[in-house]
């Protein structure tokens, strides 16, 4: 009997399809109620940190350099109070084969697929991760399909996304370019079922464990360079995997005192699944359109339980505006002679502001850079914005309204992070847990899980639950 391949038919089988395509029985980690055994799920990837480091070396991934941004640090100190202005460093992940840190998460996923006899891999992504999966698949001799959310209903695609499709194709992958909306996940599931390929999801334990090497390297390199761990590590935050993996790697290196700050581009008011708003944004990753939804409900991803759980590890969450990121992209090129793409420069813009709060002897690290290319350059991005009715202005970026204008700062003093209320985000996460488990009576195990998943304590969780009951 043939399977129902309609939208409703495929979606009704999504959990079955996802489990088969990842090879993980997520039910083994489920507990009664809200909680699940996250630590055991991560442990059961089957690879320890050293094994992942060795497997990544086989495809020339990792051991990327640390660069001190002396001129940008000097600029930050001009606007900082006396005695303030931490030293700013970057971990140059653009030197990975596909040009971003995502090579690390792709390497572990593709390695696992090869080891377990899958003939190919599939990833749903608009960008750098697709290139990383395609690159790793090429090295290990696997087939690769990238499903890409690329166009609005007019058939117009963003320069950066279109460029990344070409990059995937250059590595030999088949790329399916789709319009924004629900057809992405449907097509992804349909292909997984039809091909029997491995789901190289961003959110499996394999994908997150692959990034742990990044955090581990940061700690080890700073001990060699400076004789100590960094004080602050700034991670670009979208779906949460980047921050989660980096933080876990720092912990495994024993660098538990390093503060982990998430940074996103402020795209408040723009809906990522909206056809009319899709091309109103100038950033395809690292923005609040993913950062907030995935922080407040991680299990919205393409696996039953997401291994990316940023609230477990985040000490602070800040945003910067689009104009500030463009400005810092230019500053990095003109002051340091380093041209890199916009994703890592989100964290760099945040670090430039945060450094001014810290003493001069402190160390702040931007934990990633990404490659640059034709679609990632400032000019095509700003030109595309203009074509879509977005005004380009010079002034105070705090006046920026996403989708209406991009405001480049008058001078560097206007680059200022905005703090997001972590407790508010934690409350939203707990609220979503209750909403998605309405028939569950909250147990002591659930309280402990929610405390761990929000990096708080049981008393905090009880207070939030009481507030929700009174609303």
Protein backbone atom coordinates (compact mmCIF):
# COMPACT_ATOMS: atom_id res chain seq x y z
CA UNK A 1 0.00 0.00 0.00
CA UNK A 2 1.46 3.35 -1.06
CA UNK A 3 2.04 5.98 1.58
CA UNK A 4 0.06 9.20 1.69
CA UNK A 5 2.49 11.81 0.34
CA UNK A 6 0.15 14.75 0.82
CA UNK A 7 1.20 17.51 3.19
CA UNK A 8 -1.00 16.19 6.01
CA UNK A 9 0.08 12.61 5.33
CA UNK A 10 3.80 13.35 5.50
CA UNK A 11 3.46 15.62 8.53
CA UNK A 12 1.53 12.90 10.39
CA UNK A 13 4.64 10.67 10.03
CA UNK A 14 7.19 13.34 10.92
CA UNK A 15 8.42 11.79 14.18
CA UNK A 16 8.78 8.38 12.57
CA UNK A 17 10.67 9.88 9.61
CA UNK A 18 12.96 11.98 11.80
CA UNK A 19 13.87 9.10 14.12
CA UNK A 20 14.77 6.80 11.24
CA UNK A 21 16.81 9.49 9.50
CA UNK A 22 18.86 10.28 12.61
CA UNK A 23 19.12 6.78 14.06
CA UNK A 24 18.33 7.93 17.60
CA UNK A 25 15.44 6.54 19.62
CA UNK A 26 14.54 9.73 21.46
CA UNK A 27 11.95 7.85 23.52
CA UNK A 28 14.80 6.33 25.54
CA UNK A 29 15.56 9.73 27.02
CA UNK A 30 12.01 10.77 27.78
CA UNK A 31 10.89 10.87 31.39
CA UNK A 32 7.41 11.21 32.79
CA UNK A 33 6.11 14.70 32.32
CA UNK A 34 8.05 17.63 30.86
CA UNK A 35 11.60 16.49 31.52
CA UNK A 36 13.98 14.36 29.48
CA UNK A 37 17.54 13.20 30.16
CA UNK A 38 19.49 15.79 28.20
CA UNK A 39 22.88 14.79 29.57
CA UNK A 40 22.35 11.14 28.68
CA UNK A 41 21.17 12.10 25.19
CA UNK A 42 24.38 14.06 24.64
CA UNK A 43 26.47 11.25 26.12
CA UNK A 44 24.88 8.72 23.78
CA UNK A 45 26.25 10.42 20.66
CA UNK A 46 28.79 7.63 20.97
CA UNK A 47 31.79 9.93 20.60
CA UNK A 48 33.86 11.57 23.31
CA UNK A 49 35.56 14.92 22.79
CA UNK A 50 38.90 13.41 21.80
CA UNK A 51 37.28 11.15 19.20
CA UNK A 52 35.51 14.16 17.69
CA UNK A 53 38.76 16.15 17.59
CA UNK A 54 40.50 13.29 15.80
CA UNK A 55 37.67 12.77 13.30
CA UNK A 56 37.59 16.49 12.50
CA UNK A 57 41.33 16.51 11.87
CA UNK A 58 40.78 13.94 9.12
CA UNK A 59 38.94 16.58 7.09
CA UNK A 60 41.20 19.50 8.13
CA UNK A 61 38.73 21.05 10.54
CA UNK A 62 39.62 22.87 13.72
CA UNK A 63 42.79 24.25 15.26
CA UNK A 64 41.80 27.63 13.81
CA UNK A 65 43.85 30.69 14.83
CA UNK A 66 43.18 33.25 17.55
CA UNK A 67 43.66 36.81 16.29
CA UNK A 68 44.03 39.83 18.56
CA UNK A 69 42.25 42.90 17.19
CA UNK A 70 44.66 45.49 18.55
CA UNK A 71 43.41 48.40 16.45
CA UNK A 72 39.75 47.75 17.20
CA UNK A 73 40.62 47.41 20.90
CA UNK A 74 42.42 50.76 20.68
CA UNK A 75 39.33 52.31 19.07
CA UNK A 76 37.05 50.89 21.78
CA UNK A 77 39.27 52.41 24.49
CA UNK A 78 38.79 55.86 22.97
CA UNK A 79 35.12 55.70 23.94
CA UNK A 80 35.49 53.75 27.19
CA UNK A 81 35.78 55.21 30.72
CA UNK A 82 39.34 55.50 32.02
CA UNK A 83 40.85 52.10 32.75
CA UNK A 84 38.19 50.31 30.71
CA UNK A 85 38.43 48.63 27.33
CA UNK A 86 39.11 44.90 27.35
CA UNK A 87 41.38 43.31 24.77
CA UNK A 88 39.30 41.98 21.86
CA UNK A 89 40.21 38.72 20.13
CA UNK A 90 38.52 36.63 17.44
CA UNK A 91 38.62 32.90 16.78
CA UNK A 92 39.04 32.81 13.01
CA UNK A 93 36.66 30.04 11.97
CA UNK A 94 36.72 31.24 8.35
CA UNK A 95 39.85 29.12 7.96
CA UNK A 96 37.77 25.92 8.13
CA UNK A 97 37.29 24.18 4.74
CA UNK A 98 33.80 25.56 4.04
CA UNK A 99 34.52 28.94 5.62
CA UNK A 100 32.63 28.87 8.93
CA UNK A 101 32.42 27.18 12.33
CA UNK A 102 29.54 25.11 10.98
CA UNK A 103 32.12 22.82 9.40
CA UNK A 104 32.56 21.42 12.92
CA UNK A 105 28.93 20.43 13.39
CA UNK A 106 28.70 19.14 9.82
CA UNK A 107 31.87 17.05 10.23
CA UNK A 108 30.53 15.05 13.15
CA UNK A 109 27.13 14.51 11.52
CA UNK A 110 28.56 13.41 8.16
CA UNK A 111 31.20 11.24 9.86
CA UNK A 112 28.43 9.49 11.82
CA UNK A 113 26.34 9.03 8.66
CA UNK A 114 29.28 7.46 6.83
CA UNK A 115 30.12 5.19 9.77
CA UNK A 116 26.54 3.95 9.98
CA UNK A 117 26.14 3.12 6.32
CA UNK A 118 23.97 5.98 5.07
CA UNK A 119 24.46 6.67 1.35
CA UNK A 120 23.82 10.38 1.63
CA UNK A 121 22.91 13.30 3.85
CA UNK A 122 20.21 15.96 3.70
CA UNK A 123 20.15 19.32 5.46
CA UNK A 124 17.50 22.05 5.51
CA UNK A 125 19.34 25.36 5.67
CA UNK A 126 19.56 28.68 3.87
CA UNK A 127 23.26 29.14 4.36
CA UNK A 128 26.64 28.32 5.84
CA UNK A 129 25.57 24.98 7.25
CA UNK A 130 24.52 23.75 3.83
CA UNK A 131 27.97 24.57 2.47
CA UNK A 132 29.56 22.82 5.44
CA UNK A 133 27.50 19.64 4.97
CA UNK A 134 28.15 19.64 1.22
CA UNK A 135 31.88 20.09 1.79
CA UNK A 136 32.09 17.27 4.32
CA UNK A 137 29.95 14.95 2.18
CA UNK A 138 32.28 15.57 -0.76
CA UNK A 139 35.30 14.65 1.38
CA UNK A 140 33.71 11.45 2.69
CA UNK A 141 32.14 10.36 -0.60
CA UNK A 142 28.47 10.70 0.35
CA UNK A 143 25.61 12.12 -1.70
CA UNK A 144 24.22 15.42 -0.46
CA UNK A 145 20.93 17.29 -0.85
CA UNK A 146 20.47 20.80 0.53
CA UNK A 147 16.92 22.09 0.91
CA UNK A 148 17.08 25.86 0.96
CA UNK A 149 14.50 28.49 1.87
CA UNK A 150 15.52 30.99 -0.75
CA UNK A 151 12.78 33.05 -2.41
CA UNK A 152 9.64 35.01 -1.69
CA UNK A 153 6.55 34.45 -3.84
CA UNK A 154 7.92 36.87 -6.47
CA UNK A 155 10.91 34.57 -6.99
CA UNK A 156 13.27 37.11 -5.42
CA UNK A 157 16.13 35.73 -3.35
CA UNK A 158 18.58 37.48 -1.06
CA UNK A 159 22.15 37.89 -2.42
CA UNK A 160 23.71 35.98 0.48
CA UNK A 161 21.31 33.05 0.24
CA UNK A 162 21.67 32.76 -3.54
CA UNK A 163 25.45 32.85 -3.19
CA UNK A 164 25.39 30.07 -0.60
CA UNK A 165 23.38 27.89 -2.99
CA UNK A 166 26.16 28.26 -5.55
CA UNK A 167 28.71 27.34 -2.90
CA UNK A 168 26.79 24.15 -2.07
CA UNK A 169 26.58 23.24 -5.74
CA UNK A 170 30.31 23.84 -6.14
CA UNK A 171 30.87 21.06 -3.59
CA UNK A 172 28.69 18.73 -5.65
CA UNK A 173 25.45 18.94 -3.68
CA UNK A 174 21.99 18.98 -5.20
CA UNK A 175 20.23 22.15 -4.06
CA UNK A 176 16.45 22.55 -3.93
CA UNK A 177 15.53 26.22 -3.69
CA UNK A 178 12.09 26.82 -2.21
CA UNK A 179 9.89 29.75 -1.30
CA UNK A 180 9.50 30.85 2.30
CA UNK A 181 6.86 28.99 4.28
CA UNK A 182 5.79 25.46 5.32
CA UNK A 183 6.91 23.75 2.10
CA UNK A 184 10.52 23.68 3.38
CA UNK A 185 9.87 21.23 6.23
CA UNK A 186 7.42 19.18 4.13
CA UNK A 187 9.93 18.82 1.28
CA UNK A 188 12.70 18.01 3.75
CA UNK A 189 10.69 15.20 5.38
CA UNK A 190 9.54 13.86 2.02
CA UNK A 191 13.12 13.63 0.76
CA UNK A 192 14.34 11.94 3.95
CA UNK A 193 11.65 9.29 3.57
CA UNK A 194 12.18 8.76 -0.16
CA UNK A 195 15.97 8.59 -0.10
CA UNK A 196 16.73 6.99 3.27
CA UNK A 197 19.52 9.58 3.68
CA UNK A 198 20.80 10.78 7.05
CA UNK A 199 19.21 13.87 8.58
CA UNK A 200 22.25 16.10 9.11
CA UNK A 201 20.17 18.37 11.31
CA UNK A 202 21.64 21.38 13.06
CA UNK A 203 19.96 20.19 16.25
CA UNK A 204 21.06 16.58 16.79
CA UNK A 205 23.54 15.64 19.53
CA UNK A 206 26.08 15.03 16.74
CA UNK A 207 25.76 18.58 15.44
CA UNK A 208 26.14 20.15 18.88
CA UNK A 209 28.94 17.84 19.99
CA UNK A 210 30.86 18.88 16.87
CA UNK A 211 30.96 22.49 18.10
CA UNK A 212 32.29 21.52 21.53
CA UNK A 213 35.75 21.37 19.97
CA UNK A 214 35.46 25.12 19.29
CA UNK A 215 34.92 26.04 22.95
CA UNK A 216 37.58 23.57 24.04
CA UNK A 217 40.12 25.05 21.61
CA UNK A 218 39.40 28.60 22.80
CA UNK A 219 40.26 27.66 26.39
CA UNK A 220 43.37 25.69 25.46
CA UNK A 221 44.71 28.35 23.08
CA UNK A 222 44.28 31.15 25.60
CA UNK A 223 46.07 29.17 28.26
CA UNK A 224 48.97 28.85 25.84
CA UNK A 225 48.84 32.47 24.61
CA UNK A 226 47.94 34.32 27.79
CA UNK A 227 48.31 31.77 30.57
CA UNK A 228 44.62 31.99 31.48
CA UNK A 229 41.06 31.58 30.26
CA UNK A 230 39.18 34.44 28.58
CA UNK A 231 36.83 36.47 30.77
CA UNK A 232 33.98 36.74 28.25
CA UNK A 233 33.13 34.71 25.16
CA UNK A 234 30.58 36.26 22.79
CA UNK A 235 28.67 33.81 20.59
CA UNK A 236 26.35 34.72 17.74
CA UNK A 237 22.96 33.24 18.64
CA UNK A 238 20.26 32.04 16.27
CA UNK A 239 19.00 28.48 16.76
CA UNK A 240 21.17 28.13 19.84
CA UNK A 241 23.56 25.42 18.67
CA UNK A 242 26.55 27.71 18.28
CA UNK A 243 26.31 28.99 21.83
CA UNK A 244 25.39 25.60 23.31
CA UNK A 245 28.29 23.72 21.73
CA UNK A 246 30.84 26.43 22.48
CA UNK A 247 29.77 26.67 26.12
CA UNK A 248 29.87 22.90 26.56
CA UNK A 249 33.39 22.86 25.12
CA UNK A 250 34.51 25.58 27.54
CA UNK A 251 33.07 23.56 30.42
CA UNK A 252 34.84 20.40 29.25
CA UNK A 253 38.09 22.38 29.23
CA UNK A 254 37.41 23.50 32.79
CA UNK A 255 36.88 27.15 31.78
CA UNK A 256 33.67 27.44 33.78
CA UNK A 257 34.37 31.00 34.94
CA UNK A 258 34.30 32.37 31.38
CA UNK A 259 31.04 34.27 30.92
CA UNK A 260 29.08 33.27 27.83
CA UNK A 261 27.19 36.10 26.12
CA UNK A 262 24.74 35.51 23.29
CA UNK A 263 24.52 38.19 20.58
CA UNK A 264 21.80 38.57 17.93
CA UNK A 265 20.90 41.18 15.33
CA UNK A 266 17.72 42.98 16.34
CA UNK A 267 15.02 42.13 13.80
CA UNK A 268 12.10 42.78 16.12
CA UNK A 269 8.83 43.06 14.25
CA UNK A 270 9.88 40.98 11.24
CA UNK A 271 8.41 37.50 10.93
CA UNK A 272 10.81 34.98 9.43
CA UNK A 273 8.05 32.91 7.78
CA UNK A 274 6.30 35.92 6.24
CA UNK A 275 6.44 36.12 2.47
CA UNK A 276 6.24 39.93 2.46
CA UNK A 277 8.84 40.37 5.22
CA UNK A 278 11.31 37.68 4.13
CA UNK A 279 13.38 40.10 2.02
CA UNK A 280 13.04 43.02 4.42
CA UNK A 281 15.90 41.68 6.56
CA UNK A 282 19.56 42.04 5.67
CA UNK A 283 20.79 39.15 7.83
CA UNK A 284 20.02 35.50 7.16
CA UNK A 285 21.35 34.21 10.48
CA UNK A 286 22.29 35.31 13.96
CA UNK A 287 19.17 37.39 14.47
CA UNK A 288 16.31 37.58 16.95
CA UNK A 289 13.89 36.07 14.43
CA UNK A 290 15.51 32.75 15.28
CA UNK A 291 17.25 33.59 18.55
CA UNK A 292 14.14 34.37 20.59
CA UNK A 293 11.80 31.62 19.28
CA UNK A 294 14.44 28.90 19.63
CA UNK A 295 15.44 30.08 23.11
CA UNK A 296 11.84 30.06 24.31
CA UNK A 297 10.98 26.74 22.65
CA UNK A 298 14.04 24.72 21.47
CA UNK A 299 11.99 21.68 20.45
CA UNK A 300 10.47 23.48 17.47
CA UNK A 301 13.33 22.06 15.38
CA UNK A 302 13.51 19.14 12.94
CA UNK A 303 14.25 16.52 15.61
CA UNK A 304 12.00 15.44 18.52
CA UNK A 305 14.35 16.91 21.14
CA UNK A 306 16.78 19.67 20.24
CA UNK A 307 20.33 19.35 21.57
CA UNK A 308 20.68 23.14 21.20
CA UNK A 309 19.48 24.57 24.51
CA UNK A 310 21.09 28.02 24.88
CA UNK A 311 19.32 29.01 28.11
CA UNK A 312 21.28 26.26 29.88
CA UNK A 313 24.53 28.10 29.22
CA UNK A 314 23.82 31.78 28.56
CA UNK A 315 24.95 34.33 31.15
CA UNK A 316 23.75 37.37 29.20
CA UNK A 317 21.87 38.01 25.96
CA UNK A 318 22.38 41.21 23.97
CA UNK A 319 21.31 42.58 20.61
CA UNK A 320 22.90 44.92 18.11
CA UNK A 321 21.28 46.63 15.14
CA UNK A 322 21.86 45.94 11.45
CA UNK A 323 23.67 49.21 10.83
CA UNK A 324 26.09 48.51 13.67
CA UNK A 325 27.04 45.14 12.19
CA UNK A 326 27.65 46.67 8.76
CA UNK A 327 29.81 49.34 10.39
CA UNK A 328 31.92 46.79 12.29
CA UNK A 329 32.30 44.68 9.14
CA UNK A 330 33.89 47.69 7.48
CA UNK A 331 35.97 48.52 10.58
CA UNK A 332 37.39 45.00 10.72
CA UNK A 333 38.52 45.28 7.11
CA UNK A 334 39.89 48.81 7.30
CA UNK A 335 41.49 48.72 10.77
CA UNK A 336 42.69 45.12 10.93
CA UNK A 337 42.99 44.16 7.24
CA UNK A 338 40.62 41.24 7.83
CA UNK A 339 37.59 40.88 5.58
CA UNK A 340 34.95 38.56 7.00
CA UNK A 341 31.24 37.95 6.52
CA UNK A 342 28.45 39.46 8.62
CA UNK A 343 27.56 36.51 10.92
CA UNK A 344 30.64 36.71 13.14
CA UNK A 345 30.61 40.49 12.93
CA UNK A 346 27.33 40.41 14.87
CA UNK A 347 29.35 39.18 17.86
CA UNK A 348 32.15 41.61 17.02
CA UNK A 349 29.77 44.59 17.16
CA UNK A 350 28.55 43.34 20.53
CA UNK A 351 32.11 42.74 21.78
CA UNK A 352 33.13 46.28 20.76
CA UNK A 353 30.45 47.67 23.08
CA UNK A 354 30.94 45.11 25.88
CA UNK A 355 34.71 45.67 25.94
CA UNK A 356 34.07 49.24 27.06
CA UNK A 357 32.41 47.93 30.23
CA UNK A 358 35.39 45.76 31.20
CA UNK A 359 38.80 46.62 32.65
CA UNK A 360 41.73 46.91 30.24
CA UNK A 361 43.33 43.71 31.52
CA UNK A 362 40.25 41.62 30.72
CA UNK A 363 39.93 39.45 27.62
CA UNK A 364 36.81 39.24 25.44
CA UNK A 365 36.60 36.73 22.59
CA UNK A 366 34.43 36.75 19.50
CA UNK A 367 34.13 33.00 19.02
CA UNK A 368 33.64 32.87 15.27
CA UNK A 369 34.27 34.50 11.94
CA UNK A 370 32.87 33.37 8.61
CA UNK A 371 34.06 33.61 5.03
CA UNK A 372 33.16 36.57 2.91
CA UNK A 373 31.93 36.50 -0.67
CA UNK A 374 30.00 38.43 -3.30
CA UNK A 375 26.61 38.06 -1.61
CA UNK A 376 27.99 38.76 1.85
CA UNK A 377 29.63 42.08 1.03
CA UNK A 378 28.10 45.25 2.41
CA UNK A 379 27.29 46.79 -0.98
CA UNK A 380 25.03 44.05 -2.37
CA UNK A 381 23.30 43.78 0.99
CA UNK A 382 22.56 47.51 1.20
CA UNK A 383 21.59 47.68 -2.49
CA UNK A 384 19.17 44.80 -1.98
CA UNK A 385 17.70 46.55 1.05
CA UNK A 386 17.09 49.68 -1.01
CA UNK A 387 15.41 47.63 -3.76
CA UNK A 388 13.02 46.30 -1.11
CA UNK A 389 12.05 49.73 0.17
CA UNK A 390 14.43 49.90 3.14
CA UNK A 391 16.02 53.33 3.70
CA UNK A 392 19.78 53.55 4.30
CA UNK A 393 20.66 56.36 6.69
CA UNK A 394 23.48 57.62 8.89
CA UNK A 395 22.69 58.51 12.48
CA UNK A 396 21.85 56.75 15.72
CA UNK A 397 21.29 53.00 15.20
CA UNK A 398 18.99 52.89 18.24
CA UNK A 399 16.42 54.64 16.01
CA UNK A 400 16.53 51.78 13.51
CA UNK A 401 13.21 50.07 12.72
CA UNK A 402 13.78 46.64 11.13
CA UNK A 403 12.19 46.43 7.72
CA UNK A 404 11.94 50.21 7.39
CA UNK A 405 15.51 51.49 7.65
CA UNK A 406 19.13 50.59 8.31
CA UNK A 407 21.00 53.25 10.26
CA UNK A 408 24.78 53.26 10.03
CA UNK A 409 26.32 54.86 13.15
CA UNK A 410 27.60 58.45 12.91
CA UNK A 411 30.72 57.30 14.72
CA UNK A 412 31.80 54.31 16.85
CA UNK A 413 30.40 55.81 20.06
CA UNK A 414 26.90 54.97 18.78
CA UNK A 415 27.58 51.22 18.83
CA UNK A 416 25.83 50.06 21.99
CA UNK A 417 24.42 46.66 22.88
CA UNK A 418 20.91 46.34 24.21
CA UNK A 419 20.35 43.78 26.94
CA UNK A 420 17.45 41.39 26.65
CA UNK A 421 15.70 40.36 29.85
CA UNK A 422 16.87 36.78 30.37
CA UNK A 423 14.35 36.14 33.12
CA UNK A 424 11.55 37.18 30.77
CA UNK A 425 12.87 34.74 28.15
CA UNK A 426 13.15 32.02 30.80
CA UNK A 427 9.56 32.65 31.81
CA UNK A 428 8.45 32.32 28.19
CA UNK A 429 10.30 29.03 27.91
CA UNK A 430 8.68 27.63 31.05
CA UNK A 431 5.29 28.86 29.81
CA UNK A 432 5.80 27.03 26.51
CA UNK A 433 6.75 23.85 28.38
CA UNK A 434 3.46 24.03 30.27
CA UNK A 435 1.48 24.87 27.14
CA UNK A 436 2.93 21.90 25.25
CA UNK A 437 2.36 19.51 28.15
CA UNK A 438 -1.08 20.58 29.37
CA UNK A 439 -2.11 17.21 30.83
CA UNK A 440 1.09 16.80 32.83
CA UNK A 441 1.26 17.26 36.58
CA UNK A 442 4.55 19.01 37.40
CA UNK A 443 6.84 16.66 39.33
CA UNK A 444 10.02 17.30 41.32
CA UNK A 445 11.95 15.89 38.35
CA UNK A 446 10.26 18.44 36.07
CA UNK A 447 11.21 21.27 38.43
CA UNK A 448 14.85 20.13 38.43
CA UNK A 449 14.85 19.84 34.64
CA UNK A 450 13.37 23.31 34.13
CA UNK A 451 15.90 24.77 36.56
CA UNK A 452 18.77 23.22 34.59
CA UNK A 453 17.28 24.17 31.23
CA UNK A 454 17.03 27.82 32.30
CA UNK A 455 20.29 28.00 34.31
CA UNK A 456 18.35 29.02 37.41
CA UNK A 457 17.11 27.08 40.45
CA UNK A 458 13.98 25.26 41.58
CA UNK A 459 12.79 28.25 43.60
CA UNK A 460 12.88 30.46 40.49
CA UNK A 461 10.88 27.87 38.55
CA UNK A 462 8.29 27.64 41.35
CA UNK A 463 7.88 31.43 41.33
CA UNK A 464 7.33 31.46 37.56
CA UNK A 465 4.80 28.63 37.78
CA UNK A 466 2.94 30.55 40.50
CA UNK A 467 2.90 33.67 38.29
CA UNK A 468 1.56 31.64 35.35
CA UNK A 469 -1.18 30.14 37.53
CA UNK A 470 -2.25 33.64 38.57
CA UNK A 471 -2.33 35.07 35.04
